[in-house]
Amino acid sequence: MNIYKNPNRTEWGALAKRPTLEQEALDDIVTSILKDVKINKDKSLLKYAEKFDGVALHSLEVAVSEIETAINQVSQELKDAIAIAKQNIEVFHESQKAEVQIIETTKGVSCWRKSVGIEKVGLYIPGGSAPLFSTILMLGIPAKLAGCKEVILCTPPDKQGEINPAILYTANLVGISKIYKVGGAQAIAAMAFGTESVPQVYKIFGPGNQFVTKAKELIQQKGVAIDMPAGPSEVLVIADKSSNPAFVAADLLSQAEHGPDSQVILLSDNENSINQTMIELNKQLNLLPRKSIAAEALKNSCAIVLDSMEECIDFSNVYAPEHLIVSTDNASDYIEQIANAGSVFLGKYSCESAGDYASGTNHTLPTNGYAKNYSGVSLDSFVKKITFQNLNEEGIQNIGPAIELMAEAEGLDAHKNAVSIRLKTLR
């Protein structure tokens, strides 16, 4: 993990760059997968399961018996922990429901907006070495609260053709029964285009590696909505002399262990704080089971000494992190200065893991600088907002003449006539 001291602001853009695969090669690989799945459907999914997951599947859909077995395999302690997280996530997302407000803009003209759940949504849940069953809570709960009629889930199987029991248990807990053993870019293609087994959906949610992110980006061009560009995980931690180096090191490693293409950034106005954190980082790294993964991510990461805490916040706004941790005694003092971040963790005890699992906020967040213009997943992500208007006789008489004048000025006589014909009947 490289350390930089007081880089010039002109260098900040380069320091804020994320590690990426060669884009042309990535485009070509993912485009070919999307095309293959669109044409060959289940046949291609079975082929990719053997190629990428190392398993010869006979069926893509998870059977009811597999779910029942998984429920019995999850320990009661884990079930209790999941229940705590589920309750907090439900409480936070339930609070996002808005009452319909009917607004009379002019006498006789009423307007309102209603949220309607997206009918068919697909959830992508990464599996492999880190089966993210917590993401099912983050996506499945708001989907159900929003009233989405059909919710399906795709996740990669292991080499035995099985899905991690915690994934199946959690999906069942939130009411998702249509689960498919499909991972990677091919899962995104299956949900976008539909296959013999996997239903087509209207919007796709969920994080993933750069292949999954690229697939989501490309299917968006085909008319299928996505939650956001959510690629490799990242965290930016701001520390000062009041910070606990052991806490900060632990937070950095908690993101570094996600994958070799993850990135972590440490900022401080105190060089000693960074030096002490680096010592702690190496101590904790050597104890991690996923040490090799975290170590690879640290090669793409850096620590930066800046002149002031204000500069640290400025750099963070340039970087626009998925997760921002202000690990200081006076973290709340900087809230108003924070402009770009997916989710913010204030104070020394607000570890990013809390948001990942059980505080209640959503952990599906924009990465790669997209926090400058995207929000994390919320209840709103699963609904469409439809506007309504109702004009009575008084209403059309009040605003009709203005409409006529505006339509005539734009040269749209049929628009004008739709009003004029009504006004004539009222005279």
Protein backbone atom coordinates (compact mmCIF):
# COMPACT_ATOMS: atom_id res chain seq x y z
CA MET A 1 0.00 0.00 0.00
CA ASN A 2 1.76 3.13 -1.23
CA ILE A 3 1.92 6.26 0.95
CA TYR A 4 1.74 9.73 -0.62
CA LYS A 5 2.55 12.95 1.22
CA ASN A 6 0.73 16.14 0.35
CA PRO A 7 0.14 15.47 -3.36
CA ASN A 8 -0.80 18.48 -5.44
CA ARG A 9 -4.50 18.79 -6.23
CA THR A 10 -3.66 18.27 -9.89
CA GLU A 11 -2.58 14.73 -8.95
CA TRP A 12 -5.78 13.83 -7.11
CA GLY A 13 -7.57 12.60 -10.23
CA ALA A 14 -4.86 10.03 -10.92
CA LEU A 15 -4.82 8.89 -7.28
CA ALA A 16 -8.60 8.48 -7.37
CA LYS A 17 -8.55 6.03 -10.30
CA ARG A 18 -9.80 2.49 -9.72
CA PRO A 19 -8.10 -0.69 -10.89
CA THR A 20 -9.72 -1.90 -14.12
CA LEU A 21 -9.44 -4.68 -16.63
CA GLU A 22 -8.53 -3.76 -20.19
CA GLN A 23 -11.89 -2.42 -21.36
CA GLU A 24 -11.85 -3.62 -24.96
CA ALA A 25 -11.17 -7.21 -23.92
CA LEU A 26 -13.84 -6.98 -21.20
CA ASP A 27 -16.40 -5.66 -23.68
CA ASP A 28 -15.68 -8.44 -26.16
CA ILE A 29 -15.91 -11.23 -23.57
CA VAL A 30 -19.15 -10.02 -22.03
CA THR A 31 -20.78 -9.16 -25.36
CA SER A 32 -20.14 -12.69 -26.62
CA ILE A 33 -21.68 -14.18 -23.43
CA LEU A 34 -24.78 -11.99 -23.74
CA LYS A 35 -25.25 -12.95 -27.39
CA ASP A 36 -24.76 -16.65 -26.64
CA VAL A 37 -27.33 -16.67 -23.82
CA LYS A 38 -29.86 -14.71 -25.88
CA ILE A 39 -29.65 -17.25 -28.70
CA ASN A 40 -28.97 -20.55 -26.92
CA LYS A 41 -30.68 -19.89 -23.59
CA ASP A 42 -30.46 -22.77 -21.06
CA LYS A 43 -27.97 -24.64 -23.21
CA SER A 44 -25.46 -21.80 -22.91
CA LEU A 45 -26.08 -21.42 -19.15
CA LEU A 46 -25.29 -25.10 -18.58
CA LYS A 47 -22.16 -24.71 -20.71
CA TYR A 48 -20.93 -21.73 -18.72
CA ALA A 49 -21.65 -23.47 -15.41
CA GLU A 50 -19.27 -26.20 -16.48
CA LYS A 51 -16.71 -23.75 -17.85
CA PHE A 52 -16.66 -21.14 -15.07
CA ASP A 53 -18.06 -22.97 -12.02
CA GLY A 54 -16.63 -26.40 -12.75
CA VAL A 55 -19.93 -28.23 -12.42
CA ALA A 56 -22.17 -30.19 -14.80
CA LEU A 57 -25.72 -29.20 -13.89
CA HIS A 58 -28.85 -31.13 -14.85
CA SER A 59 -31.24 -28.42 -13.73
CA LEU A 60 -30.86 -24.68 -13.23
CA GLU A 61 -33.73 -24.11 -10.80
CA VAL A 62 -33.22 -24.85 -7.12
CA ALA A 63 -35.68 -27.52 -5.98
CA VAL A 64 -37.97 -27.09 -2.96
CA SER A 65 -36.22 -30.06 -1.33
CA GLU A 66 -32.87 -28.24 -1.59
CA ILE A 67 -34.34 -25.24 0.20
CA GLU A 68 -35.81 -27.43 2.93
CA THR A 69 -32.45 -29.15 3.45
CA ALA A 70 -30.64 -25.80 3.58
CA ILE A 71 -33.00 -24.46 6.27
CA ASN A 72 -32.01 -27.33 8.54
CA GLN A 73 -28.30 -26.83 7.85
CA VAL A 74 -28.14 -23.22 9.06
CA SER A 75 -27.31 -22.90 12.75
CA GLN A 76 -29.82 -21.31 15.11
CA GLU A 77 -27.19 -18.72 16.07
CA LEU A 78 -26.89 -17.57 12.47
CA LYS A 79 -30.67 -17.60 12.03
CA ASP A 80 -30.98 -15.34 15.08
CA ALA A 81 -28.32 -12.96 13.71
CA ILE A 82 -30.08 -12.81 10.34
CA ALA A 83 -33.36 -12.08 12.14
CA ILE A 84 -31.82 -9.03 13.84
CA ALA A 85 -30.52 -7.72 10.52
CA LYS A 86 -33.83 -8.43 8.79
CA GLN A 87 -35.77 -6.47 11.39
CA ASN A 88 -33.50 -3.43 11.20
CA ILE A 89 -33.49 -3.41 7.39
CA GLU A 90 -37.29 -3.71 7.33
CA VAL A 91 -37.72 -0.85 9.80
CA PHE A 92 -35.41 1.48 7.85
CA HIS A 93 -36.88 0.68 4.43
CA GLU A 94 -40.50 0.69 5.66
CA SER A 95 -39.90 4.27 6.81
CA GLN A 96 -39.20 5.24 3.19
CA LYS A 97 -42.82 4.68 2.15
CA ALA A 98 -44.49 7.98 1.26
CA GLU A 99 -48.15 8.86 1.61
CA VAL A 100 -49.94 9.92 -1.57
CA GLN A 101 -50.49 13.68 -1.48
CA ILE A 102 -53.13 15.18 -3.75
CA ILE A 103 -52.11 18.74 -4.65
CA GLU A 104 -54.54 21.27 -6.10
CA THR A 105 -52.24 23.31 -8.34
CA THR A 106 -55.07 25.55 -9.53
CA LYS A 107 -58.72 25.56 -8.52
CA GLY A 108 -60.21 22.50 -10.20
CA VAL A 109 -56.83 20.93 -11.12
CA SER A 110 -55.59 18.12 -8.89
CA CYS A 111 -52.23 16.35 -9.30
CA TRP A 112 -50.62 13.50 -7.40
CA ARG A 113 -47.96 10.85 -7.62
CA LYS A 114 -48.25 7.18 -6.68
CA SER A 115 -45.52 4.58 -6.20
CA VAL A 116 -46.16 1.27 -7.97
CA GLY A 117 -43.88 -1.73 -7.53
CA ILE A 118 -41.93 -2.88 -10.59
CA GLU A 119 -43.69 -6.10 -11.55
CA LYS A 120 -40.70 -8.33 -12.33
CA VAL A 121 -37.27 -7.90 -10.75
CA GLY A 122 -34.15 -10.06 -10.72
CA LEU A 123 -31.58 -10.20 -7.94
CA TYR A 124 -27.99 -11.20 -8.54
CA ILE A 125 -26.21 -12.60 -5.47
CA PRO A 126 -22.46 -13.24 -5.68
CA GLY A 127 -21.45 -16.70 -4.44
CA GLY A 128 -18.08 -18.38 -4.70
CA SER A 129 -15.66 -17.92 -1.82
CA ALA A 130 -17.88 -15.24 -0.22
CA PRO A 131 -21.56 -16.16 -0.53
CA LEU A 132 -23.26 -12.81 0.11
CA PHE A 133 -26.52 -13.94 1.72
CA SER A 134 -26.70 -10.52 3.40
CA THR A 135 -27.33 -9.00 -0.04
CA ILE A 136 -30.57 -10.99 -0.24
CA LEU A 137 -31.84 -9.07 2.79
CA MET A 138 -30.75 -5.78 1.23
CA LEU A 139 -32.56 -6.47 -2.05
CA GLY A 140 -35.33 -8.91 -1.20
CA ILE A 141 -36.78 -6.90 1.69
CA PRO A 142 -37.35 -3.63 -0.22
CA ALA A 143 -38.59 -5.61 -3.24
CA LYS A 144 -41.28 -7.19 -1.10
CA LEU A 145 -42.13 -3.92 0.68
CA ALA A 146 -42.48 -2.21 -2.70
CA GLY A 147 -44.98 -4.82 -3.86
CA CYS A 148 -42.97 -6.33 -6.73
CA LYS A 149 -45.11 -9.23 -8.00
CA GLU A 150 -42.28 -11.49 -9.20
CA VAL A 151 -38.84 -11.63 -7.60
CA ILE A 152 -36.27 -14.10 -8.88
CA LEU A 153 -32.72 -14.75 -7.72
CA CYS A 154 -29.61 -15.95 -9.55
CA THR A 155 -26.44 -17.07 -7.79
CA PRO A 156 -23.53 -19.31 -8.85
CA PRO A 157 -23.33 -22.92 -7.61
CA ASP A 158 -20.27 -24.55 -6.07
CA LYS A 159 -18.40 -27.45 -7.72
CA GLN A 160 -20.94 -29.88 -6.29
CA GLY A 161 -23.76 -27.98 -7.94
CA GLU A 162 -25.06 -26.69 -4.62
CA ILE A 163 -25.93 -23.24 -3.30
CA ASN A 164 -24.65 -22.14 0.08
CA PRO A 165 -27.34 -23.02 2.68
CA ALA A 166 -27.32 -19.49 4.13
CA ILE A 167 -28.28 -18.09 0.72
CA LEU A 168 -31.21 -20.47 0.37
CA TYR A 169 -32.32 -19.94 3.97
CA THR A 170 -32.26 -16.16 3.64
CA ALA A 171 -34.05 -16.18 0.29
CA ASN A 172 -36.79 -18.36 1.76
CA LEU A 173 -36.99 -16.09 4.83
CA VAL A 174 -37.78 -13.02 2.73
CA GLY A 175 -40.20 -14.89 0.48
CA ILE A 176 -38.12 -15.62 -2.63
CA SER A 177 -38.77 -19.10 -4.02
CA LYS A 178 -37.58 -18.83 -7.62
CA ILE A 179 -33.84 -19.37 -7.32
CA TYR A 180 -31.48 -20.31 -10.16
CA LYS A 181 -27.97 -21.74 -10.20
CA VAL A 182 -26.50 -19.20 -12.57
CA GLY A 183 -23.60 -16.83 -11.94
CA GLY A 184 -21.54 -14.17 -13.67
CA ALA A 185 -22.38 -12.20 -16.78
CA GLN A 186 -24.48 -15.13 -18.01
CA ALA A 187 -26.86 -14.67 -15.07
CA ILE A 188 -27.42 -11.05 -16.03
CA ALA A 189 -28.06 -12.12 -19.63
CA ALA A 190 -30.53 -14.81 -18.52
CA MET A 191 -32.59 -12.35 -16.46
CA ALA A 192 -32.44 -9.72 -19.20
CA PHE A 193 -33.51 -11.93 -22.11
CA GLY A 194 -35.19 -14.88 -20.40
CA THR A 195 -34.46 -18.56 -21.05
CA GLU A 196 -36.46 -21.78 -20.86
CA SER A 197 -35.80 -21.85 -17.09
CA VAL A 198 -35.04 -18.27 -16.04
CA PRO A 199 -37.86 -15.70 -16.41
CA GLN A 200 -37.21 -12.36 -18.07
CA VAL A 201 -37.38 -9.38 -15.69
CA TYR A 202 -37.79 -5.63 -16.04
CA LYS A 203 -35.01 -4.54 -13.68
CA ILE A 204 -31.86 -6.24 -12.37
CA PHE A 205 -30.23 -5.61 -9.00
CA GLY A 206 -27.09 -6.76 -7.25
CA PRO A 207 -23.33 -6.30 -7.03
CA GLY A 208 -20.66 -8.31 -8.79
CA ASN A 209 -17.24 -8.30 -10.36
CA GLN A 210 -16.29 -6.35 -13.47
CA PHE A 211 -17.84 -8.96 -15.76
CA VAL A 212 -21.19 -8.68 -13.97
CA THR A 213 -20.98 -4.88 -13.94
CA LYS A 214 -20.17 -4.77 -17.65
CA ALA A 215 -23.06 -7.13 -18.40
CA LYS A 216 -25.45 -4.86 -16.49
CA GLU A 217 -24.11 -1.85 -18.37
CA LEU A 218 -24.65 -3.55 -21.74
CA ILE A 219 -28.13 -4.95 -21.06
CA GLN A 220 -29.23 -1.48 -19.98
CA GLN A 221 -28.70 -0.50 -23.60
CA LYS A 222 -31.20 -3.24 -24.52
CA GLY A 223 -33.97 -1.65 -22.48
CA VAL A 224 -33.59 -3.57 -19.21
CA ALA A 225 -33.15 -1.31 -16.19
CA ILE A 226 -30.45 -1.85 -13.57
CA ASP A 227 -30.00 -0.56 -10.03
CA MET A 228 -26.67 1.15 -10.65
CA PRO A 229 -23.09 0.46 -11.79
CA ALA A 230 -21.94 -1.58 -8.76
CA GLY A 231 -18.57 -3.17 -9.31
CA PRO A 232 -15.67 -4.14 -7.05
CA SER A 233 -16.05 -2.95 -3.45
CA GLU A 234 -14.19 0.06 -2.05
CA VAL A 235 -13.81 2.09 1.12
CA LEU A 236 -12.22 5.43 1.95
CA VAL A 237 -11.32 6.05 5.59
CA ILE A 238 -10.54 9.49 7.00
CA ALA A 239 -8.49 9.42 10.20
CA ASP A 240 -6.80 11.97 12.46
CA LYS A 241 -4.80 11.95 15.67
CA SER A 242 -7.90 10.92 17.63
CA SER A 243 -8.42 7.78 15.53
CA ASN A 244 -7.73 4.25 16.72
CA PRO A 245 -5.17 2.75 14.28
CA ALA A 246 -6.37 -0.81 14.98
CA PHE A 247 -9.97 0.15 14.14
CA VAL A 248 -8.90 1.91 10.95
CA ALA A 249 -6.74 -1.01 9.82
CA ALA A 250 -9.60 -3.42 10.44
CA ASP A 251 -11.95 -1.26 8.35
CA LEU A 252 -9.50 -1.14 5.46
CA LEU A 253 -9.04 -4.91 5.49
CA SER A 254 -12.77 -5.55 5.73
CA GLN A 255 -13.09 -4.19 2.19
CA ALA A 256 -9.76 -5.46 0.87
CA GLU A 257 -10.83 -9.05 1.56
CA HIS A 258 -13.79 -8.75 -0.84
CA GLY A 259 -11.63 -9.37 -3.88
CA PRO A 260 -8.28 -8.66 -5.54
CA ASP A 261 -9.88 -5.87 -7.60
CA SER A 262 -11.21 -4.08 -4.49
CA GLN A 263 -9.60 -0.82 -3.41
CA VAL A 264 -9.10 0.91 -0.06
CA ILE A 265 -7.94 4.48 0.55
CA LEU A 266 -6.72 6.01 3.81
CA LEU A 267 -6.58 9.78 4.27
CA SER A 268 -5.27 11.72 7.24
CA ASP A 269 -3.90 15.11 8.23
CA ASN A 270 -1.61 13.28 10.66
CA GLU A 271 1.34 11.32 9.29
CA ASN A 272 1.84 9.42 12.54
CA SER A 273 -1.75 8.19 12.39
CA ILE A 274 -1.07 6.69 8.96
CA ASN A 275 2.21 5.11 10.09
CA GLN A 276 0.56 3.50 13.11
CA THR A 277 -2.30 2.25 10.94
CA MET A 278 0.17 0.65 8.51
CA ILE A 279 1.77 -1.26 11.39
CA GLU A 280 -1.65 -2.50 12.52
CA LEU A 281 -2.61 -3.32 8.94
CA ASN A 282 0.31 -5.70 8.52
CA LYS A 283 -0.38 -7.35 11.88
CA GLN A 284 -4.04 -7.98 11.08
CA LEU A 285 -3.40 -8.96 7.46
CA ASN A 286 -1.22 -11.89 8.52
CA LEU A 287 -4.09 -13.30 10.60
CA LEU A 288 -6.70 -13.26 7.82
CA PRO A 289 -7.83 -16.50 6.13
CA ARG A 290 -8.30 -14.42 2.96
CA LYS A 291 -4.84 -12.86 3.32
CA SER A 292 -3.80 -13.45 -0.30
CA ILE A 293 -6.95 -11.75 -1.63
CA ALA A 294 -6.61 -8.77 0.70
CA ALA A 295 -2.90 -8.43 -0.07
CA GLU A 296 -3.64 -8.26 -3.78
CA ALA A 297 -6.26 -5.54 -3.21
CA LEU A 298 -3.78 -3.54 -1.13
CA LYS A 299 -1.50 -3.32 -4.18
CA ASN A 300 -4.23 -1.21 -5.82
CA SER A 301 -4.65 0.94 -2.70
CA CYS A 302 -2.94 3.87 -1.02
CA ALA A 303 -2.63 6.08 2.05
CA ILE A 304 -2.39 9.84 1.61
CA VAL A 305 -1.22 12.52 4.04
CA LEU A 306 -2.96 15.85 3.42
CA ASP A 307 -2.64 19.27 5.05
CA SER A 308 -6.00 19.36 6.81
CA MET A 309 -9.22 17.48 7.48
CA GLU A 310 -10.94 19.83 5.05
CA GLU A 311 -8.56 18.64 2.33
CA CYS A 312 -9.33 15.05 3.27
CA ILE A 313 -13.05 15.70 2.75
CA ASP A 314 -12.29 17.47 -0.54
CA PHE A 315 -10.29 14.47 -1.79
CA SER A 316 -13.06 12.12 -0.68
CA ASN A 317 -15.57 14.12 -2.72
CA VAL A 318 -13.31 13.75 -5.76
CA TYR A 319 -12.97 10.00 -5.16
CA ALA A 320 -16.72 9.57 -4.38
CA PRO A 321 -16.34 6.35 -2.39
CA GLU A 322 -18.85 3.54 -2.12
CA HIS A 323 -18.22 3.56 1.65
CA LEU A 324 -16.86 6.57 3.53
CA ILE A 325 -15.74 6.17 7.14
CA VAL A 326 -14.91 9.30 9.13
CA SER A 327 -13.16 7.58 12.02
CA THR A 328 -12.64 10.59 14.28
CA ASP A 329 -13.99 11.97 17.55
CA ASN A 330 -15.70 14.90 15.81
CA ALA A 331 -16.94 13.09 12.69
CA SER A 332 -20.36 14.76 12.75
CA ASP A 333 -18.70 18.16 12.21
CA TYR A 334 -18.03 17.20 8.57
CA ILE A 335 -21.51 16.01 7.53
CA GLU A 336 -22.39 19.17 5.60
CA GLN A 337 -19.12 19.04 3.63
CA ILE A 338 -19.70 15.50 2.37
CA ALA A 339 -21.12 15.69 -1.15
CA ASN A 340 -20.22 12.38 -2.83
CA ALA A 341 -20.47 9.01 -1.07
CA GLY A 342 -22.62 5.90 -1.26
CA SER A 343 -22.96 5.41 2.50
CA VAL A 344 -21.24 7.27 5.34
CA PHE A 345 -20.09 5.89 8.70
CA LEU A 346 -19.53 8.50 11.38
CA GLY A 347 -17.29 7.99 14.39
CA LYS A 348 -14.84 5.39 15.62
CA TYR A 349 -17.45 2.74 16.39
CA SER A 350 -19.35 3.00 13.11
CA CYS A 351 -17.58 0.24 11.23
CA GLU A 352 -18.52 -0.36 7.61
CA SER A 353 -19.46 -3.94 8.54
CA ALA A 354 -22.47 -2.53 10.43
CA GLY A 355 -23.90 -1.18 7.18
CA ASP A 356 -23.02 -4.37 5.35
CA TYR A 357 -25.11 -6.46 7.69
CA ALA A 358 -27.36 -5.10 10.36
CA SER A 359 -27.62 -1.34 10.98
CA GLY A 360 -30.57 -1.14 8.58
CA THR A 361 -29.17 0.93 5.70
CA ASN A 362 -28.72 -0.72 2.32
CA HIS A 363 -25.31 -2.05 1.34
CA THR A 364 -25.91 -2.14 -2.42
CA LEU A 365 -24.11 1.06 -3.33
CA PRO A 366 -22.53 2.88 -6.30
CA THR A 367 -18.83 2.25 -6.86
CA ASN A 368 -16.13 3.52 -9.21
CA GLY A 369 -17.01 7.17 -8.61
CA TYR A 370 -20.69 6.76 -9.49
CA ALA A 371 -21.61 8.08 -6.04
CA LYS A 372 -21.31 11.47 -7.72
CA ASN A 373 -24.58 10.85 -9.54
CA TYR A 374 -26.17 7.64 -8.21
CA SER A 375 -27.78 6.73 -4.89
CA GLY A 376 -27.59 3.39 -3.16
CA VAL A 377 -30.49 0.96 -3.38
CA SER A 378 -33.60 2.01 -1.44
CA LEU A 379 -37.32 1.33 -1.52
CA ASP A 380 -37.55 3.83 -4.39
CA SER A 381 -35.32 1.57 -6.49
CA PHE A 382 -38.10 -1.01 -6.68
CA VAL A 383 -40.97 1.29 -7.65
CA LYS A 384 -42.08 3.43 -10.53
CA LYS A 385 -43.65 6.76 -9.66
CA ILE A 386 -46.73 7.38 -11.76
CA THR A 387 -48.23 10.88 -11.88
CA PHE A 388 -51.99 11.50 -12.06
CA GLN A 389 -54.06 14.58 -12.80
CA ASN A 390 -57.77 15.27 -12.65
CA LEU A 391 -59.33 18.42 -14.15
CA ASN A 392 -62.96 19.30 -13.59
CA GLU A 393 -64.97 21.90 -15.51
CA GLU A 394 -63.59 24.74 -13.43
CA GLY A 395 -60.05 23.43 -13.82
CA ILE A 396 -60.04 23.27 -17.63
CA GLN A 397 -61.57 26.76 -17.76
CA ASN A 398 -58.88 28.10 -15.44
CA ILE A 399 -55.82 26.79 -17.28
CA GLY A 400 -57.29 26.06 -20.74
CA PRO A 401 -56.61 29.50 -22.26
CA ALA A 402 -52.95 29.33 -21.19
CA ILE A 403 -52.64 25.88 -22.78
CA GLU A 404 -54.21 27.13 -26.00
CA LEU A 405 -51.75 30.02 -26.24
CA MET A 406 -48.72 27.85 -25.53
CA ALA A 407 -49.77 25.12 -27.99
CA GLU A 408 -50.41 27.72 -30.71
CA ALA A 409 -46.99 29.29 -30.08
CA GLU A 410 -45.38 25.89 -30.61
CA GLY A 411 -47.36 25.29 -33.79
CA LEU A 412 -49.21 22.29 -32.36
CA ASP A 413 -52.80 22.99 -33.43
CA ALA A 414 -54.15 19.56 -32.43
CA HIS A 415 -52.91 20.14 -28.89
CA LYS A 416 -54.72 23.49 -28.87
CA ASN A 417 -57.90 21.93 -30.25
CA ALA A 418 -58.01 19.26 -27.51
CA VAL A 419 -58.54 22.17 -25.10
CA SER A 420 -60.62 24.42 -27.35
CA ILE A 421 -63.22 21.73 -28.07
CA ARG A 422 -63.80 21.27 -24.34
CA LEU A 423 -64.01 24.98 -23.59
CA LYS A 424 -66.61 25.45 -26.35
CA THR A 425 -68.86 22.83 -24.82
CA LEU A 426 -68.74 24.70 -21.51
CA ARG A 427 -69.62 28.11 -22.91
